[in-house]
Protein backbone atom coordinates (compact mmCIF):
# COMPACT_ATOMS: atom_id res chain seq x y z
CA UNK A 1 -44.74 -27.08 48.84
CA UNK A 2 -41.22 -26.55 49.53
CA UNK A 3 -39.44 -24.72 46.84
CA UNK A 4 -35.87 -25.66 46.81
CA UNK A 5 -33.49 -22.68 45.81
CA UNK A 6 -30.15 -23.56 44.46
CA UNK A 7 -27.39 -21.07 44.37
CA UNK A 8 -26.20 -20.78 40.91
CA UNK A 9 -22.66 -19.60 41.86
CA UNK A 10 -22.20 -23.33 43.48
CA UNK A 11 -23.29 -24.90 40.22
CA UNK A 12 -20.86 -22.94 38.03
CA UNK A 13 -17.90 -23.42 40.48
CA UNK A 14 -18.47 -27.21 40.07
CA UNK A 15 -19.02 -26.77 36.28
CA UNK A 16 -15.99 -24.68 35.71
CA UNK A 17 -13.23 -27.46 36.51
CA UNK A 18 -15.02 -29.96 34.12
CA UNK A 19 -15.19 -27.60 31.37
CA UNK A 20 -11.44 -26.74 31.69
CA UNK A 21 -10.86 -30.68 31.79
CA UNK A 22 -12.67 -31.02 28.79
CA UNK A 23 -11.12 -28.22 27.14
CA UNK A 24 -7.46 -29.38 27.96
CA UNK A 25 -8.63 -33.25 27.14
CA UNK A 26 -9.66 -31.68 23.57
CA UNK A 27 -6.40 -29.99 22.91
CA UNK A 28 -4.36 -33.28 23.72
CA UNK A 29 -6.50 -35.21 21.47
CA UNK A 30 -6.23 -32.49 18.51
CA UNK A 31 -2.49 -32.46 19.22
CA UNK A 32 -2.07 -36.29 19.11
CA UNK A 33 -4.16 -36.43 16.20
CA UNK A 34 -2.16 -33.62 14.13
CA UNK A 35 0.96 -35.25 15.18
CA UNK A 36 -0.13 -38.71 13.70
CA UNK A 37 -1.89 -37.62 10.66
CA UNK A 38 -0.43 -34.00 10.13
CA UNK A 39 -2.01 -31.11 8.39
CA UNK A 40 -2.98 -32.88 4.97
CA UNK A 41 -6.82 -34.31 4.09
CA UNK A 42 -6.79 -38.32 4.95
CA UNK A 43 -9.20 -40.93 5.47
CA UNK A 44 -10.38 -42.99 8.74
CA UNK A 45 -11.71 -46.35 7.63
CA UNK A 46 -12.43 -45.03 4.28
CA UNK A 47 -14.23 -41.73 5.51
CA UNK A 48 -12.50 -38.33 5.04
CA UNK A 49 -11.34 -37.10 8.68
CA UNK A 50 -13.88 -34.30 9.90
CA UNK A 51 -11.16 -32.68 12.14
CA UNK A 52 -8.77 -32.16 8.94
CA UNK A 53 -11.47 -30.84 6.88
CA UNK A 54 -12.79 -28.41 9.60
CA UNK A 55 -9.19 -27.26 10.34
CA UNK A 56 -8.56 -26.58 6.75
CA UNK A 57 -11.92 -24.59 6.22
CA UNK A 58 -11.00 -22.53 9.43
CA UNK A 59 -7.64 -21.65 8.48
CA UNK A 60 -8.37 -20.72 4.82
CA UNK A 61 -11.14 -18.36 6.34
CA UNK A 62 -8.46 -16.80 8.50
CA UNK A 63 -6.26 -15.63 5.71
CA UNK A 64 -7.43 -12.50 3.87
CA UNK A 65 -6.38 -11.99 0.39
CA UNK A 66 -3.90 -9.03 0.16
CA UNK A 67 -5.47 -6.06 -1.51
CA UNK A 68 -3.76 -4.44 -4.57
CA UNK A 69 -1.37 -1.33 -3.35
CA UNK A 70 -2.02 1.42 -5.55
CA UNK A 71 0.60 4.13 -5.00
CA UNK A 72 -0.36 7.95 -6.39
CA UNK A 73 2.02 9.24 -9.17
CA UNK A 74 3.54 11.68 -6.86
CA UNK A 75 4.94 8.76 -4.52
CA UNK A 76 6.57 7.16 -7.50
CA UNK A 77 8.10 10.36 -8.55
CA UNK A 78 9.31 11.20 -4.89
CA UNK A 79 10.88 7.82 -4.63
CA UNK A 80 12.70 7.89 -8.11
CA UNK A 81 14.30 11.27 -7.03
CA UNK A 82 15.01 10.05 -3.52
CA UNK A 83 16.97 7.08 -4.88
CA UNK A 84 18.75 8.88 -7.25
CA UNK A 85 20.99 10.83 -4.85
CA UNK A 86 24.33 12.32 -5.28
CA UNK A 87 26.90 11.94 -2.90
CA UNK A 88 27.49 15.40 -1.43
CA UNK A 89 30.03 14.69 1.24
CA UNK A 90 33.66 14.33 0.61
CA UNK A 91 35.31 10.68 1.25
CA UNK A 92 36.65 10.46 4.71
CA UNK A 93 40.19 8.83 5.28
CA UNK A 94 40.10 6.82 8.52
CA UNK A 95 42.94 7.11 10.79
CA UNK A 96 44.02 5.76 14.08
CA UNK A 97 42.35 6.99 17.16
CA UNK A 98 44.80 9.43 18.87
CA UNK A 99 45.67 8.58 22.51
CA UNK A 100 45.35 11.21 25.38
CA UNK A 101 47.72 13.77 25.86
CA UNK A 102 50.76 12.82 28.14
CA UNK A 103 51.68 14.74 31.14
CA UNK A 104 54.95 15.91 31.62
């Protein structure tokens, strides 16, 4: 009885290009479908489109609801004081820039 051993790295190197081609083909088909039908729900021969339903559900799951922001009272008081500033510096009058001294 002869046991045939197969190198797994050879199998993987043969499989990787096919997986890449499958991924690229799926992306092209999905892009063409999105270009033709858009993001809205639609029907194919009276049946709802599975692709748009799955994409809608997955995109809804990606977005987390914003958490409420609770600011401490000290921050609110600091913000009010910081924005009721008084101008301390005197107004500056802009004048023309002076040229370099002339050599005589």
